[in-house]
Amino acid sequence: MASQIVHFAGLSDRDRKAASPLPKLAAGDRLELHIHHEGGKERTLSIPPSAAAAVEALLVHMLRGERVAVLAEDQARPRRRLFSVSLVPSSSCV
């Protein structure tokens, strides 16, 4: 199985200070993404429960000042991808 980095990101100190921490998610909680477009249009996307833990981990580590990488891993079956989040401590990033 081969993997490739789909996205690698971190938050600036200013963004980390301005952001509110995500509350710990419990069983039965739902996670939604609210998008506010420049023209005033709003859209809400529901994050599937199977992806909520990955989104939670991504945000928690970014708010700690760590950079994170999102990996896409090719599976043995064609047309299928497994998405995962890898955490990279900011001290190991150049």
Protein backbone atom coordinates (compact mmCIF):
# COMPACT_ATOMS: atom_id res chain seq x y z
CA MET A 1 0.00 0.00 0.00
CA ALA A 2 1.34 3.41 -0.97
CA SER A 3 0.58 6.66 0.86
CA GLN A 4 0.85 10.24 -0.21
CA ILE A 5 0.51 13.48 1.72
CA VAL A 6 -2.66 15.21 0.59
CA HIS A 7 -2.27 18.28 2.79
CA PHE A 8 0.25 19.54 5.36
CA ALA A 9 -0.74 22.49 7.55
CA GLY A 10 -0.35 24.38 10.79
CA LEU A 11 -1.85 27.47 12.39
CA SER A 12 -0.11 30.78 13.00
CA ASP A 13 0.22 31.94 16.61
CA ARG A 14 -2.39 34.64 15.89
CA ASP A 15 -4.88 32.08 14.53
CA ARG A 16 -4.30 29.73 17.47
CA LYS A 17 -4.93 32.53 19.98
CA ALA A 18 -8.10 33.63 18.17
CA ALA A 19 -9.59 30.12 17.94
CA SER A 20 -11.75 28.52 20.60
CA PRO A 21 -10.82 25.00 21.65
CA LEU A 22 -13.12 22.25 20.44
CA PRO A 23 -15.06 20.66 23.31
CA LYS A 24 -14.44 16.93 23.79
CA LEU A 25 -16.91 14.98 21.68
CA ALA A 26 -19.04 12.31 23.37
CA ALA A 27 -20.97 9.39 21.94
CA GLY A 28 -24.01 10.67 20.08
CA ASP A 29 -22.54 14.15 19.47
CA ARG A 30 -22.71 15.48 15.90
CA LEU A 31 -20.08 17.58 14.21
CA GLU A 32 -21.08 20.13 11.55
CA LEU A 33 -19.07 22.48 9.38
CA HIS A 34 -20.62 25.90 8.76
CA ILE A 35 -19.41 27.72 5.67
CA HIS A 36 -20.06 31.45 5.30
CA HIS A 37 -19.43 32.52 1.71
CA GLU A 38 -18.25 36.03 0.90
CA GLY A 39 -21.58 36.91 -0.76
CA GLY A 40 -23.51 36.09 2.42
CA LYS A 41 -24.59 32.58 1.42
CA GLU A 42 -24.28 29.99 4.19
CA ARG A 43 -23.97 26.24 3.97
CA THR A 44 -23.85 23.55 6.66
CA LEU A 45 -22.20 20.19 6.10
CA SER A 46 -22.64 17.26 8.44
CA ILE A 47 -19.41 15.42 9.29
CA PRO A 48 -20.05 11.65 9.43
CA PRO A 49 -19.47 10.10 12.88
CA SER A 50 -16.72 7.91 11.42
CA ALA A 51 -14.76 11.06 10.45
CA ALA A 52 -15.50 13.12 13.58
CA ALA A 53 -12.59 11.64 15.59
CA ALA A 54 -10.12 12.49 12.81
CA VAL A 55 -11.43 16.07 12.57
CA GLU A 56 -11.28 16.41 16.36
CA ALA A 57 -7.66 15.15 16.46
CA LEU A 58 -6.69 17.46 13.61
CA LEU A 59 -8.06 20.56 15.37
CA VAL A 60 -6.75 19.65 18.83
CA HIS A 61 -3.19 19.18 17.60
CA MET A 62 -3.24 22.27 15.37
CA LEU A 63 -4.45 24.39 18.30
CA ARG A 64 -1.49 23.07 20.33
CA GLY A 65 0.83 24.53 17.70
CA GLU A 66 1.64 21.25 15.98
CA ARG A 67 1.63 20.87 12.22
CA VAL A 68 -0.43 18.01 10.84
CA ALA A 69 -0.38 15.98 7.65
CA VAL A 70 -3.40 14.37 6.02
CA LEU A 71 -2.45 11.14 4.24
CA ALA A 72 -4.30 9.26 1.53
CA GLU A 73 -3.48 5.56 1.44
CA ASP A 74 -4.14 3.45 -1.64
CA GLN A 75 -5.91 0.22 -0.85
CA ALA A 76 -5.59 -3.14 -2.61
CA ARG A 77 -8.99 -2.60 -4.20
CA PRO A 78 -9.14 -0.07 -7.05
CA ARG A 79 -11.07 3.22 -6.62
CA ARG A 80 -10.94 3.12 -2.85
CA ARG A 81 -8.98 5.41 -0.57
CA LEU A 82 -8.61 5.44 3.16
CA PHE A 83 -8.06 8.89 4.61
CA SER A 84 -6.12 9.30 7.82
CA VAL A 85 -4.58 12.12 9.79
CA SER A 86 -0.93 11.95 10.87
CA LEU A 87 0.34 14.26 13.58
CA VAL A 88 3.77 15.82 13.12
CA PRO A 89 5.30 17.66 16.10
CA SER A 90 6.19 21.23 15.11
CA SER A 91 9.76 20.78 16.39
CA SER A 92 10.43 18.20 13.64
CA CYS A 93 9.20 20.49 10.83
CA VAL A 94 11.42 22.85 8.91
